[in-house]
Amino acid sequence: MLRVLEERNFPLSELHLYASERSVGKQLSFRGSSISIETLTEDSFKGLDIALFSAGSEITKKWRSAAEKARCIIIDNSSAFRMEPGVPLVIPEINAEDLRSHNGVIAVPNCSTIVMLMAVAPLRKFGAIKRIVVSTYQAVSGAGAAAISELEDETANFLKNKQLLNSKKQPDSIFPHPIAFNLFCHNTAINDAGYNAEEWKMINETKKILHDDGIQVTATCVRVPVFRVHSESVNIEFDTSAPGWSRPSVEEIRDAISTFPGAAIVDDRANNHFPMPNEATGLFDVLVGHIRHDVSNPNAIDLFVCGDQLLKGAALDAVQIAESLIEQDLIFK
């Protein structure tokens, strides 16, 4: 978040960094100066316009009322309020107008939802979207720094001992299964419908962001041994019931995506070069490619997407929301 604020030259006169007591006094750099981390208290929000939260659902829930009393707008990266009625769930390139109805809390969507919809949204110019089928390949950094270390340690163990871990993990492991040279269903709880929590978020958040309860979405979310950037295979079916509908060409799809803010085309068939996590790491743009008509369905297209889930999937989206609040003059007076 600090990097994004700095690189985008975010307009601010005062910046405070808050964390738990164990981090108090540590210094972080911003615009050439060192800023000390402070303890968050009931009075911390007084005089502040915006609070960017990325500390998990329970922390945001705990401090919501204090921020609201101080008329400080919360932009939250957790899942705490995403589906709460009245809380805007925002990808600024897609539904910035939803910010006009905020009541002091704004939610950043799930990272996988953001990456997918940055590729899907430009296609709505061709007609309503009937159905989305998505499979994700999600990097370990989405589970935090400890998950990165877990992949590193397991990989090093294999390279040294030439032996993969079996299904038994240590009690303090981040993942329920070995991640090195392996992949598995996203490490979240399975609901009664058989979907893991990540899949369920993508289904429901898509409907809210696009204001379309009728859109059909199904998802399969998988954790893969990649350090950074979520990748997704997306099948998009158009609603052909509207008069005059015609299937867009691949060239038209490329043009629509390439001119959409925050999306970039990587679609070189001749060299079999399409979006890859290594190339999307650290980028603000979501990369889209391997665009083709679905040969099994004349009303559908397929594409592949890679997006840095730490940037556009989290920190960047939060900062863009803050920018949009300022641009639309939606800061509390």
C-alpha atoms as a PDB file:
ATOM      1  CA  MET A   1       0.000   0.000   0.000  1.00  0.00           C
ATOM      2  CA  LEU A   2       2.803   2.416   0.833  1.00  0.00           C
ATOM      3  CA  ARG A   3       4.477   1.669  -2.490  1.00  0.00           C
ATOM      4  CA  VAL A   4       1.237   2.261  -4.384  1.00  0.00           C
ATOM      5  CA  LEU A   5       0.499   5.514  -2.530  1.00  0.00           C
ATOM      6  CA  GLU A   6       3.997   6.717  -3.339  1.00  0.00           C
ATOM      7  CA  GLU A   7       4.111   5.613  -6.976  1.00  0.00           C
ATOM      8  CA  ARG A   8       0.701   7.104  -7.735  1.00  0.00           C
ATOM      9  CA  ASN A   9       1.580  10.351  -5.942  1.00  0.00           C
ATOM     10  CA  PHE A  10      -1.517  10.072  -3.790  1.00  0.00           C
ATOM     11  CA  PRO A  11      -2.563  13.496  -2.428  1.00  0.00           C
ATOM     12  CA  LEU A  12      -2.182  13.508   1.345  1.00  0.00           C
ATOM     13  CA  SER A  13      -1.055  15.916   4.011  1.00  0.00           C
ATOM     14  CA  GLU A  14      -0.716  13.419   6.850  1.00  0.00           C
ATOM     15  CA  LEU A  15      -0.005   9.684   6.991  1.00  0.00           C
ATOM     16  CA  HIS A  16      -0.222   7.429  10.041  1.00  0.00           C
ATOM     17  CA  LEU A  17       0.757   3.760  10.216  1.00  0.00           C
ATOM     18  CA  TYR A  18      -1.018   1.541  12.743  1.00  0.00           C
ATOM     19  CA  ALA A  19      -0.409  -2.047  13.781  1.00  0.00           C
ATOM     20  CA  SER A  20      -0.460  -4.293  16.823  1.00  0.00           C
ATOM     21  CA  GLU A  21       1.657  -3.494  19.853  1.00  0.00           C
ATOM     22  CA  ARG A  22       4.460  -5.839  18.815  1.00  0.00           C
ATOM     23  CA  SER A  23       5.179  -3.598  15.803  1.00  0.00           C
ATOM     24  CA  VAL A  24       5.025  -0.258  17.595  1.00  0.00           C
ATOM     25  CA  GLY A  25       8.116   1.865  17.033  1.00  0.00           C
ATOM     26  CA  LYS A  26       9.233   0.129  13.858  1.00  0.00           C
ATOM     27  CA  GLN A  27      10.087   2.481  11.024  1.00  0.00           C
ATOM     28  CA  LEU A  28       8.776   2.347   7.473  1.00  0.00           C
ATOM     29  CA  SER A  29       9.891   4.575   4.633  1.00  0.00           C
ATOM     30  CA  PHE A  30       7.541   6.814   2.676  1.00  0.00           C
ATOM     31  CA  ARG A  31       8.571   9.542   0.226  1.00  0.00           C
ATOM     32  CA  GLY A  32      12.077   9.625   1.641  1.00  0.00           C
ATOM     33  CA  SER A  33      11.010   9.923   5.272  1.00  0.00           C
ATOM     34  CA  SER A  34      10.765   7.365   8.055  1.00  0.00           C
ATOM     35  CA  ILE A  35       7.401   6.940   9.749  1.00  0.00           C
ATOM     36  CA  SER A  36       7.010   5.181  13.079  1.00  0.00           C
ATOM     37  CA  ILE A  37       4.285   2.580  13.522  1.00  0.00           C
ATOM     38  CA  GLU A  38       1.743   3.495  16.189  1.00  0.00           C
ATOM     39  CA  THR A  39      -0.751   1.559  18.285  1.00  0.00           C
ATOM     40  CA  LEU A  40      -4.346   1.734  17.078  1.00  0.00           C
ATOM     41  CA  THR A  41      -6.698   3.261  19.653  1.00  0.00           C
ATOM     42  CA  GLU A  42     -10.235   4.597  19.798  1.00  0.00           C
ATOM     43  CA  ASP A  43      -8.870   8.099  19.163  1.00  0.00           C
ATOM     44  CA  SER A  44      -6.625   7.177  16.224  1.00  0.00           C
ATOM     45  CA  PHE A  45      -9.219   8.008  13.561  1.00  0.00           C
ATOM     46  CA  LYS A  46      -9.924  11.567  14.719  1.00  0.00           C
ATOM     47  CA  GLY A  47      -8.934  14.063  12.061  1.00  0.00           C
ATOM     48  CA  LEU A  48      -8.307  11.390   9.421  1.00  0.00           C
ATOM     49  CA  ASP A  49     -10.268  11.185   6.177  1.00  0.00           C
ATOM     50  CA  ILE A  50      -9.508   7.628   5.045  1.00  0.00           C
ATOM     51  CA  ALA A  51      -8.296   4.447   6.741  1.00  0.00           C
ATOM     52  CA  LEU A  52      -6.922   1.671   4.554  1.00  0.00           C
ATOM     53  CA  PHE A  53      -7.437  -1.630   6.381  1.00  0.00           C
ATOM     54  CA  SER A  54      -5.633  -4.862   5.548  1.00  0.00           C
ATOM     55  CA  ALA A  55      -5.508  -6.709   8.842  1.00  0.00           C
ATOM     56  CA  GLY A  56      -8.237  -9.332   8.533  1.00  0.00           C
ATOM     57  CA  SER A  57     -11.978  -9.332   9.135  1.00  0.00           C
ATOM     58  CA  GLU A  58     -11.938  -9.379  12.927  1.00  0.00           C
ATOM     59  CA  ILE A  59      -9.704  -6.318  13.197  1.00  0.00           C
ATOM     60  CA  THR A  60     -11.848  -4.309  10.795  1.00  0.00           C
ATOM     61  CA  LYS A  61     -15.034  -5.301  12.607  1.00  0.00           C
ATOM     62  CA  LYS A  62     -13.477  -4.331  15.937  1.00  0.00           C
ATOM     63  CA  TRP A  63     -12.556  -0.802  14.850  1.00  0.00           C
ATOM     64  CA  ARG A  64     -15.460  -0.007  12.540  1.00  0.00           C
ATOM     65  CA  SER A  65     -17.496   1.940  15.075  1.00  0.00           C
ATOM     66  CA  ALA A  66     -14.521   4.063  16.155  1.00  0.00           C
ATOM     67  CA  ALA A  67     -13.840   5.049  12.549  1.00  0.00           C
ATOM     68  CA  GLU A  68     -17.502   5.764  11.910  1.00  0.00           C
ATOM     69  CA  LYS A  69     -17.731   8.011  14.980  1.00  0.00           C
ATOM     70  CA  ALA A  70     -14.739   9.983  13.697  1.00  0.00           C
ATOM     71  CA  ARG A  71     -16.263  10.149  10.182  1.00  0.00           C
ATOM     72  CA  CYS A  72     -13.195   8.427   8.795  1.00  0.00           C
ATOM     73  CA  ILE A  73     -13.965   6.281   5.743  1.00  0.00           C
ATOM     74  CA  ILE A  74     -12.807   2.668   5.946  1.00  0.00           C
ATOM     75  CA  ILE A  75     -11.556   0.988   2.780  1.00  0.00           C
ATOM     76  CA  ASP A  76     -11.252  -2.640   3.778  1.00  0.00           C
ATOM     77  CA  ASN A  77      -9.327  -5.438   2.088  1.00  0.00           C
ATOM     78  CA  SER A  78     -10.894  -8.228   4.143  1.00  0.00           C
ATOM     79  CA  SER A  79     -14.117 -10.137   3.505  1.00  0.00           C
ATOM     80  CA  ALA A  80     -15.797  -8.611   6.575  1.00  0.00           C
ATOM     81  CA  PHE A  81     -18.320  -6.393   4.807  1.00  0.00           C
ATOM     82  CA  ARG A  82     -18.208  -7.378   1.142  1.00  0.00           C
ATOM     83  CA  MET A  83     -21.688  -8.829   1.003  1.00  0.00           C
ATOM     84  CA  GLU A  84     -23.241  -6.525   3.598  1.00  0.00           C
ATOM     85  CA  PRO A  85     -26.161  -4.585   2.089  1.00  0.00           C
ATOM     86  CA  GLY A  86     -25.322  -0.918   1.770  1.00  0.00           C
ATOM     87  CA  VAL A  87     -21.554  -1.466   1.653  1.00  0.00           C
ATOM     88  CA  PRO A  88     -20.189  -0.748  -1.841  1.00  0.00           C
ATOM     89  CA  LEU A  89     -18.005  -3.517  -3.276  1.00  0.00           C
ATOM     90  CA  VAL A  90     -15.857  -1.663  -5.741  1.00  0.00           C
ATOM     91  CA  ILE A  91     -13.480  -2.121  -8.638  1.00  0.00           C
ATOM     92  CA  PRO A  92     -13.111   1.535  -9.689  1.00  0.00           C
ATOM     93  CA  GLU A  93     -12.684   0.780 -13.401  1.00  0.00           C
ATOM     94  CA  ILE A  94     -16.020  -1.063 -13.316  1.00  0.00           C
ATOM     95  CA  ASN A  95     -18.380   0.401 -10.722  1.00  0.00           C
ATOM     96  CA  ALA A  96     -16.880   3.571  -9.230  1.00  0.00           C
ATOM     97  CA  GLU A  97     -20.360   5.103  -9.236  1.00  0.00           C
ATOM     98  CA  ASP A  98     -21.300   2.744  -6.373  1.00  0.00           C
ATOM     99  CA  LEU A  99     -19.086   4.830  -4.102  1.00  0.00           C
ATOM    100  CA  ARG A 100     -21.703   7.581  -4.146  1.00  0.00           C
ATOM    101  CA  SER A 101     -23.880   5.547  -1.802  1.00  0.00           C
ATOM    102  CA  HIS A 102     -21.192   4.745   0.758  1.00  0.00           C
ATOM    103  CA  ASN A 103     -21.925   5.241   4.452  1.00  0.00           C
ATOM    104  CA  GLY A 104     -18.352   5.212   5.654  1.00  0.00           C
ATOM    105  CA  VAL A 105     -17.332   1.644   4.776  1.00  0.00           C
ATOM    106  CA  ILE A 106     -16.183   0.420   1.358  1.00  0.00           C
ATOM    107  CA  ALA A 107     -15.065  -3.118   0.578  1.00  0.00           C
ATOM    108  CA  VAL A 108     -12.321  -4.253  -1.772  1.00  0.00           C
ATOM    109  CA  PRO A 109     -13.462  -7.426  -3.567  1.00  0.00           C
ATOM    110  CA  ASN A 110     -11.718 -10.767  -3.326  1.00  0.00           C
ATOM    111  CA  CYS A 111      -8.486 -10.761  -5.324  1.00  0.00           C
ATOM    112  CA  SER A 112      -9.624 -13.562  -7.651  1.00  0.00           C
ATOM    113  CA  THR A 113     -12.882 -11.743  -8.376  1.00  0.00           C
ATOM    114  CA  ILE A 114     -11.008  -8.553  -9.264  1.00  0.00           C
ATOM    115  CA  VAL A 115      -8.601 -10.331 -11.613  1.00  0.00           C
ATOM    116  CA  MET A 116     -11.462 -12.085 -13.398  1.00  0.00           C
ATOM    117  CA  LEU A 117     -13.732  -9.077 -13.747  1.00  0.00           C
ATOM    118  CA  MET A 118     -10.971  -6.860 -15.118  1.00  0.00           C
ATOM    119  CA  ALA A 119     -11.030  -9.187 -18.134  1.00  0.00           C
ATOM    120  CA  VAL A 120     -14.797  -9.717 -18.205  1.00  0.00           C
ATOM    121  CA  ALA A 121     -15.978  -6.111 -17.814  1.00  0.00           C
ATOM    122  CA  PRO A 122     -14.662  -4.841 -21.170  1.00  0.00           C
ATOM    123  CA  LEU A 123     -16.681  -7.530 -22.942  1.00  0.00           C
ATOM    124  CA  ARG A 124     -20.032  -6.219 -21.768  1.00  0.00           C
ATOM    125  CA  LYS A 125     -19.976  -3.750 -24.662  1.00  0.00           C
ATOM    126  CA  PHE A 126     -20.782  -6.711 -26.911  1.00  0.00           C
ATOM    127  CA  GLY A 127     -23.912  -7.637 -24.956  1.00  0.00           C
ATOM    128  CA  ALA A 128     -25.096  -9.031 -21.661  1.00  0.00           C
ATOM    129  CA  ILE A 129     -23.070 -11.867 -20.178  1.00  0.00           C
ATOM    130  CA  LYS A 130     -25.098 -14.956 -19.380  1.00  0.00           C
ATOM    131  CA  ARG A 131     -22.575 -17.278 -17.732  1.00  0.00           C
ATOM    132  CA  ILE A 132     -18.990 -17.387 -16.507  1.00  0.00           C
ATOM    133  CA  VAL A 133     -17.008 -20.553 -15.836  1.00  0.00           C
ATOM    134  CA  VAL A 134     -13.685 -19.867 -14.144  1.00  0.00           C
ATOM    135  CA  SER A 135     -10.810 -21.987 -12.859  1.00  0.00           C
ATOM    136  CA  THR A 136      -8.142 -20.260 -10.798  1.00  0.00           C
ATOM    137  CA  TYR A 137      -4.467 -21.047 -10.206  1.00  0.00           C
ATOM    138  CA  GLN A 138      -3.726 -19.096  -7.048  1.00  0.00           C
ATOM    139  CA  ALA A 139      -0.299 -18.125  -5.775  1.00  0.00           C
ATOM    140  CA  VAL A 140       0.803 -18.914  -2.236  1.00  0.00           C
ATOM    141  CA  SER A 141       1.434 -15.260  -1.341  1.00  0.00           C
ATOM    142  CA  GLY A 142      -2.336 -14.861  -1.225  1.00  0.00           C
ATOM    143  CA  ALA A 143      -2.087 -16.731   2.081  1.00  0.00           C
ATOM    144  CA  GLY A 144       0.598 -14.415   3.482  1.00  0.00           C
ATOM    145  CA  ALA A 145       4.345 -14.288   4.032  1.00  0.00           C
ATOM    146  CA  ALA A 146       4.404 -17.511   6.048  1.00  0.00           C
ATOM    147  CA  ALA A 147       2.933 -19.370   3.064  1.00  0.00           C
ATOM    148  CA  ILE A 148       5.772 -18.132   0.878  1.00  0.00           C
ATOM    149  CA  SER A 149       8.262 -19.487   3.409  1.00  0.00           C
ATOM    150  CA  GLU A 150       6.415 -22.800   3.440  1.00  0.00           C
ATOM    151  CA  LEU A 151       6.786 -23.190  -0.324  1.00  0.00           C
ATOM    152  CA  GLU A 152      10.447 -22.209  -0.123  1.00  0.00           C
ATOM    153  CA  ASP A 153      11.187 -24.673   2.692  1.00  0.00           C
ATOM    154  CA  GLU A 154       9.361 -27.587   1.069  1.00  0.00           C
ATOM    155  CA  THR A 155      11.064 -26.933  -2.274  1.00  0.00           C
ATOM    156  CA  ALA A 156      14.486 -26.707  -0.625  1.00  0.00           C
ATOM    157  CA  ASN A 157      13.790 -29.939   1.231  1.00  0.00           C
ATOM    158  CA  PHE A 158      13.004 -31.730  -2.004  1.00  0.00           C
ATOM    159  CA  LEU A 159      16.054 -30.363  -3.823  1.00  0.00           C
ATOM    160  CA  LYS A 160      18.260 -31.444  -0.920  1.00  0.00           C
ATOM    161  CA  ASN A 161      16.711 -34.795  -0.040  1.00  0.00           C
ATOM    162  CA  LYS A 162      14.933 -35.661  -3.315  1.00  0.00           C
ATOM    163  CA  GLN A 163      11.895 -36.569  -1.314  1.00  0.00           C
ATOM    164  CA  LEU A 164       8.469 -34.960  -1.456  1.00  0.00           C
ATOM    165  CA  LEU A 165       6.470 -34.458   1.698  1.00  0.00           C
ATOM    166  CA  ASN A 166       3.581 -36.828   2.204  1.00  0.00           C
ATOM    167  CA  SER A 167       0.114 -35.663   3.154  1.00  0.00           C
ATOM    168  CA  LYS A 168       1.057 -35.282   6.825  1.00  0.00           C
ATOM    169  CA  LYS A 169       1.899 -31.686   7.714  1.00  0.00           C
ATOM    170  CA  GLN A 170       3.190 -29.975  10.839  1.00  0.00           C
ATOM    171  CA  PRO A 171       0.522 -28.521  13.149  1.00  0.00           C
ATOM    172  CA  ASP A 172       1.724 -24.966  12.449  1.00  0.00           C
ATOM    173  CA  SER A 173       1.643 -25.342   8.661  1.00  0.00           C
ATOM    174  CA  ILE A 174      -0.253 -22.734   6.660  1.00  0.00           C
ATOM    175  CA  PHE A 175      -1.558 -25.203   4.104  1.00  0.00           C
ATOM    176  CA  PRO A 176      -3.343 -28.497   4.818  1.00  0.00           C
ATOM    177  CA  HIS A 177      -1.289 -30.321   2.159  1.00  0.00           C
ATOM    178  CA  PRO A 178       2.238 -30.057   0.758  1.00  0.00           C
ATOM    179  CA  ILE A 179       2.445 -27.170  -1.713  1.00  0.00           C
ATOM    180  CA  ALA A 180       5.845 -27.822  -3.333  1.00  0.00           C
ATOM    181  CA  PHE A 181       5.371 -29.649  -6.660  1.00  0.00           C
ATOM    182  CA  ASN A 182       1.713 -30.059  -5.771  1.00  0.00           C
ATOM    183  CA  LEU A 183      -1.649 -28.327  -6.070  1.00  0.00           C
ATOM    184  CA  PHE A 184      -4.941 -28.672  -4.250  1.00  0.00           C
ATOM    185  CA  CYS A 185      -8.400 -27.240  -3.730  1.00  0.00           C
ATOM    186  CA  HIS A 186      -8.138 -23.743  -2.259  1.00  0.00           C
ATOM    187  CA  ASN A 187      -7.480 -24.003   1.473  1.00  0.00           C
ATOM    188  CA  THR A 188     -10.822 -22.661   2.667  1.00  0.00           C
ATOM    189  CA  ALA A 189     -13.865 -24.395   4.121  1.00  0.00           C
ATOM    190  CA  ILE A 190     -16.237 -26.332   1.867  1.00  0.00           C
ATOM    191  CA  ASN A 191     -19.899 -25.323   2.101  1.00  0.00           C
ATOM    192  CA  ASP A 192     -23.041 -27.433   1.756  1.00  0.00           C
ATOM    193  CA  ALA A 193     -23.087 -26.873  -2.004  1.00  0.00           C
ATOM    194  CA  GLY A 194     -19.591 -28.361  -2.272  1.00  0.00           C
ATOM    195  CA  TYR A 195     -17.815 -25.072  -3.048  1.00  0.00           C
ATOM    196  CA  ASN A 196     -14.847 -23.739  -1.109  1.00  0.00           C
ATOM    197  CA  ALA A 197     -15.089 -20.220   0.337  1.00  0.00           C
ATOM    198  CA  GLU A 198     -12.978 -18.680  -2.408  1.00  0.00           C
ATOM    199  CA  GLU A 199     -15.248 -20.089  -5.091  1.00  0.00           C
ATOM    200  CA  TRP A 200     -18.340 -18.880  -3.257  1.00  0.00           C
ATOM    201  CA  LYS A 201     -16.894 -15.382  -2.975  1.00  0.00           C
ATOM    202  CA  MET A 202     -16.291 -15.203  -6.716  1.00  0.00           C
ATOM    203  CA  ILE A 203     -19.851 -16.304  -7.439  1.00  0.00           C
ATOM    204  CA  ASN A 204     -21.571 -13.845  -5.120  1.00  0.00           C
ATOM    205  CA  GLU A 205     -19.233 -10.884  -5.482  1.00  0.00           C
ATOM    206  CA  THR A 206     -19.543 -10.963  -9.267  1.00  0.00           C
ATOM    207  CA  LYS A 207     -23.299 -10.545  -9.001  1.00  0.00           C
ATOM    208  CA  LYS A 208     -22.972  -7.602  -6.609  1.00  0.00           C
ATOM    209  CA  ILE A 209     -20.263  -5.753  -8.549  1.00  0.00           C
ATOM    210  CA  LEU A 210     -22.007  -6.157 -11.916  1.00  0.00           C
ATOM    211  CA  HIS A 211     -25.474  -5.500 -10.429  1.00  0.00           C
ATOM    212  CA  ASP A 212     -26.706  -8.681 -12.069  1.00  0.00           C
ATOM    213  CA  ASP A 213     -28.296 -11.332  -9.863  1.00  0.00           C
ATOM    214  CA  GLY A 214     -29.176 -13.332 -12.960  1.00  0.00           C
ATOM    215  CA  ILE A 215     -25.633 -13.883 -14.183  1.00  0.00           C
ATOM    216  CA  GLN A 216     -24.595 -17.520 -13.781  1.00  0.00           C
ATOM    217  CA  VAL A 217     -21.139 -18.085 -12.304  1.00  0.00           C
ATOM    218  CA  THR A 218     -19.338 -21.255 -11.324  1.00  0.00           C
ATOM    219  CA  ALA A 219     -15.774 -21.401 -10.069  1.00  0.00           C
ATOM    220  CA  THR A 220     -13.050 -23.909  -9.246  1.00  0.00           C
ATOM    221  CA  CYS A 221     -10.273 -22.378  -7.133  1.00  0.00           C
ATOM    222  CA  VAL A 222      -6.948 -24.149  -6.786  1.00  0.00           C
ATOM    223  CA  ARG A 223      -3.776 -23.309  -4.874  1.00  0.00           C
ATOM    224  CA  VAL A 224      -0.613 -23.802  -6.960  1.00  0.00           C
ATOM    225  CA  PRO A 225       3.139 -23.636  -6.140  1.00  0.00           C
ATOM    226  CA  VAL A 226       3.649 -20.137  -7.567  1.00  0.00           C
ATOM    227  CA  PHE A 227       4.968 -17.346  -5.362  1.00  0.00           C
ATOM    228  CA  ARG A 228       3.001 -14.417  -6.697  1.00  0.00           C
ATOM    229  CA  VAL A 229       0.165 -13.590  -9.150  1.00  0.00           C
ATOM    230  CA  HIS A 230      -3.145 -15.380  -9.530  1.00  0.00           C
ATOM    231  CA  SER A 231      -3.921 -16.904 -12.927  1.00  0.00           C
ATOM    232  CA  GLU A 232      -7.380 -17.763 -14.217  1.00  0.00           C
ATOM    233  CA  SER A 233      -8.920 -19.635 -17.109  1.00  0.00           C
ATOM    234  CA  VAL A 234     -12.238 -17.959 -17.932  1.00  0.00           C
ATOM    235  CA  ASN A 235     -15.072 -19.054 -20.210  1.00  0.00           C
ATOM    236  CA  ILE A 236     -17.612 -16.308 -20.909  1.00  0.00           C
ATOM    237  CA  GLU A 237     -20.991 -17.003 -22.506  1.00  0.00           C
ATOM    238  CA  PHE A 238     -23.039 -14.143 -23.932  1.00  0.00           C
ATOM    239  CA  ASP A 239     -26.786 -13.756 -23.722  1.00  0.00           C
ATOM    240  CA  THR A 240     -27.844 -13.886 -27.374  1.00  0.00           C
ATOM    241  CA  SER A 241     -31.506 -13.072 -26.764  1.00  0.00           C
ATOM    242  CA  ALA A 242     -31.066  -9.343 -27.415  1.00  0.00           C
ATOM    243  CA  PRO A 243     -32.041  -8.268 -30.952  1.00  0.00           C
ATOM    244  CA  GLY A 244     -29.121  -7.740 -33.307  1.00  0.00           C
ATOM    245  CA  TRP A 245     -26.596  -9.679 -31.251  1.00  0.00           C
ATOM    246  CA  SER A 246     -23.569 -10.946 -33.138  1.00  0.00           C
ATOM    247  CA  ARG A 247     -20.516 -12.744 -31.839  1.00  0.00           C
ATOM    248  CA  PRO A 248     -17.495 -10.447 -31.534  1.00  0.00           C
ATOM    249  CA  SER A 249     -14.371 -11.389 -33.418  1.00  0.00           C
ATOM    250  CA  VAL A 250     -11.142 -12.142 -31.576  1.00  0.00           C
ATOM    251  CA  GLU A 251      -9.766  -8.861 -32.920  1.00  0.00           C
ATOM    252  CA  GLU A 252     -12.715  -6.945 -31.480  1.00  0.00           C
ATOM    253  CA  ILE A 253     -12.229  -8.632 -28.120  1.00  0.00           C
ATOM    254  CA  ARG A 254      -8.537  -7.717 -28.107  1.00  0.00           C
ATOM    255  CA  ASP A 255      -9.373  -4.108 -28.913  1.00  0.00           C
ATOM    256  CA  ALA A 256     -12.006  -3.899 -26.165  1.00  0.00           C
ATOM    257  CA  ILE A 257      -9.620  -5.258 -23.536  1.00  0.00           C
ATOM    258  CA  SER A 258      -6.578  -3.268 -24.687  1.00  0.00           C
ATOM    259  CA  THR A 259      -8.490   0.015 -24.376  1.00  0.00           C
ATOM    260  CA  PHE A 260      -9.959  -0.820 -20.963  1.00  0.00           C
ATOM    261  CA  PRO A 261      -8.100   0.946 -18.102  1.00  0.00           C
ATOM    262  CA  GLY A 262      -6.040  -1.496 -16.047  1.00  0.00           C
ATOM    263  CA  ALA A 263      -6.012  -4.334 -18.589  1.00  0.00           C
ATOM    264  CA  ALA A 264      -3.319  -5.235 -21.099  1.00  0.00           C
ATOM    265  CA  ILE A 265      -3.160  -7.787 -23.905  1.00  0.00           C
ATOM    266  CA  VAL A 266      -0.545 -10.557 -24.059  1.00  0.00           C
ATOM    267  CA  ASP A 267      -1.801 -12.680 -26.934  1.00  0.00           C
ATOM    268  CA  ASP A 268       0.946 -13.858 -29.289  1.00  0.00           C
ATOM    269  CA  ARG A 269      -0.253 -17.057 -30.929  1.00  0.00           C
ATOM    270  CA  ALA A 270       2.745 -17.361 -33.228  1.00  0.00           C
ATOM    271  CA  ASN A 271       5.114 -17.688 -30.285  1.00  0.00           C
ATOM    272  CA  ASN A 272       2.647 -19.341 -27.887  1.00  0.00           C
ATOM    273  CA  HIS A 273       3.153 -16.380 -25.568  1.00  0.00           C
ATOM    274  CA  PHE A 274       0.246 -15.630 -23.266  1.00  0.00           C
ATOM    275  CA  PRO A 275      -0.112 -14.218 -19.728  1.00  0.00           C
ATOM    276  CA  MET A 276       2.266 -15.716 -17.163  1.00  0.00           C
ATOM    277  CA  PRO A 277       2.668 -15.063 -13.434  1.00  0.00           C
ATOM    278  CA  ASN A 278       6.363 -14.219 -13.822  1.00  0.00           C
ATOM    279  CA  GLU A 279       5.551 -11.419 -16.242  1.00  0.00           C
ATOM    280  CA  ALA A 280       2.561 -10.082 -14.296  1.00  0.00           C
ATOM    281  CA  THR A 281       4.436  -9.859 -10.987  1.00  0.00           C
ATOM    282  CA  GLY A 282       4.688  -6.263  -9.832  1.00  0.00           C
ATOM    283  CA  LEU A 283       2.443  -4.891 -12.580  1.00  0.00           C
ATOM    284  CA  PHE A 284      -0.569  -2.687 -11.953  1.00  0.00           C
ATOM    285  CA  ASP A 285      -2.258  -3.989 -15.122  1.00  0.00           C
ATOM    286  CA  VAL A 286      -4.035  -7.335 -15.383  1.00  0.00           C
ATOM    287  CA  LEU A 287      -2.723  -9.337 -18.343  1.00  0.00           C
ATOM    288  CA  VAL A 288      -5.233 -11.001 -20.680  1.00  0.00           C
ATOM    289  CA  GLY A 289      -4.583 -13.389 -23.549  1.00  0.00           C
ATOM    290  CA  HIS A 290      -5.059 -16.810 -25.126  1.00  0.00           C
ATOM    291  CA  ILE A 291      -8.281 -15.314 -26.492  1.00  0.00           C
ATOM    292  CA  ARG A 292     -10.323 -17.659 -28.650  1.00  0.00           C
ATOM    293  CA  HIS A 293     -13.846 -18.622 -29.582  1.00  0.00           C
ATOM    294  CA  ASP A 294     -15.213 -21.582 -27.664  1.00  0.00           C
ATOM    295  CA  VAL A 295     -15.518 -24.302 -30.316  1.00  0.00           C
ATOM    296  CA  SER A 296     -18.089 -26.116 -28.179  1.00  0.00           C
ATOM    297  CA  ASN A 297     -20.374 -23.084 -27.826  1.00  0.00           C
ATOM    298  CA  PRO A 298     -20.835 -20.439 -30.554  1.00  0.00           C
ATOM    299  CA  ASN A 299     -21.954 -17.899 -27.945  1.00  0.00           C
ATOM    300  CA  ALA A 300     -18.881 -18.165 -25.730  1.00  0.00           C
ATOM    301  CA  ILE A 301     -15.226 -17.192 -25.663  1.00  0.00           C
ATOM    302  CA  ASP A 302     -12.217 -18.412 -23.689  1.00  0.00           C
ATOM    303  CA  LEU A 303      -9.341 -16.396 -22.309  1.00  0.00           C
ATOM    304  CA  PHE A 304      -6.520 -16.585 -19.755  1.00  0.00           C
ATOM    305  CA  VAL A 305      -5.777 -13.911 -17.172  1.00  0.00           C
ATOM    306  CA  CYS A 306      -2.884 -13.133 -14.814  1.00  0.00           C
ATOM    307  CA  GLY A 307      -3.068 -10.412 -12.186  1.00  0.00           C
ATOM    308  CA  ASP A 308      -0.885  -9.479  -9.235  1.00  0.00           C
ATOM    309  CA  GLN A 309      -3.197 -10.257  -6.343  1.00  0.00           C
ATOM    310  CA  LEU A 310      -1.130  -8.110  -3.985  1.00  0.00           C
ATOM    311  CA  LEU A 311      -1.550  -5.064  -6.229  1.00  0.00           C
ATOM    312  CA  LYS A 312      -4.682  -4.894  -8.363  1.00  0.00           C
ATOM    313  CA  GLY A 313      -6.116  -7.700  -6.255  1.00  0.00           C
ATOM    314  CA  ALA A 314      -5.641  -5.749  -3.019  1.00  0.00           C
ATOM    315  CA  ALA A 315      -3.446  -2.689  -2.377  1.00  0.00           C
ATOM    316  CA  LEU A 316      -3.856  -0.984  -5.747  1.00  0.00           C
ATOM    317  CA  ASP A 317      -7.625  -1.413  -5.792  1.00  0.00           C
ATOM    318  CA  ALA A 318      -7.858   0.072  -2.292  1.00  0.00           C
ATOM    319  CA  VAL A 319      -5.796   3.108  -3.250  1.00  0.00           C
ATOM    320  CA  GLN A 320      -7.790   3.559  -6.459  1.00  0.00           C
ATOM    321  CA  ILE A 321     -10.964   3.586  -4.383  1.00  0.00           C
ATOM    322  CA  ALA A 322      -9.456   6.326  -2.217  1.00  0.00           C
ATOM    323  CA  GLU A 323      -8.506   8.269  -5.351  1.00  0.00           C
ATOM    324  CA  SER A 324     -12.024   7.922  -6.705  1.00  0.00           C
ATOM    325  CA  LEU A 325     -13.528   9.159  -3.434  1.00  0.00           C
ATOM    326  CA  ILE A 326     -11.442  12.321  -3.792  1.00  0.00           C
ATOM    327  CA  GLU A 327     -12.230  12.719  -7.510  1.00  0.00           C
ATOM    328  CA  GLN A 328     -15.966  12.392  -6.852  1.00  0.00           C
ATOM    329  CA  ASP A 329     -15.792  14.660  -3.781  1.00  0.00           C
ATOM    330  CA  LEU A 330     -17.154  11.899  -1.536  1.00  0.00           C
ATOM    331  CA  ILE A 331     -14.937  12.480   1.501  1.00  0.00           C
ATOM    332  CA  PHE A 332     -16.891  13.397   4.640  1.00  0.00           C
ATOM    333  CA  LYS A 333     -16.753  17.099   5.348  1.00  0.00           C
END
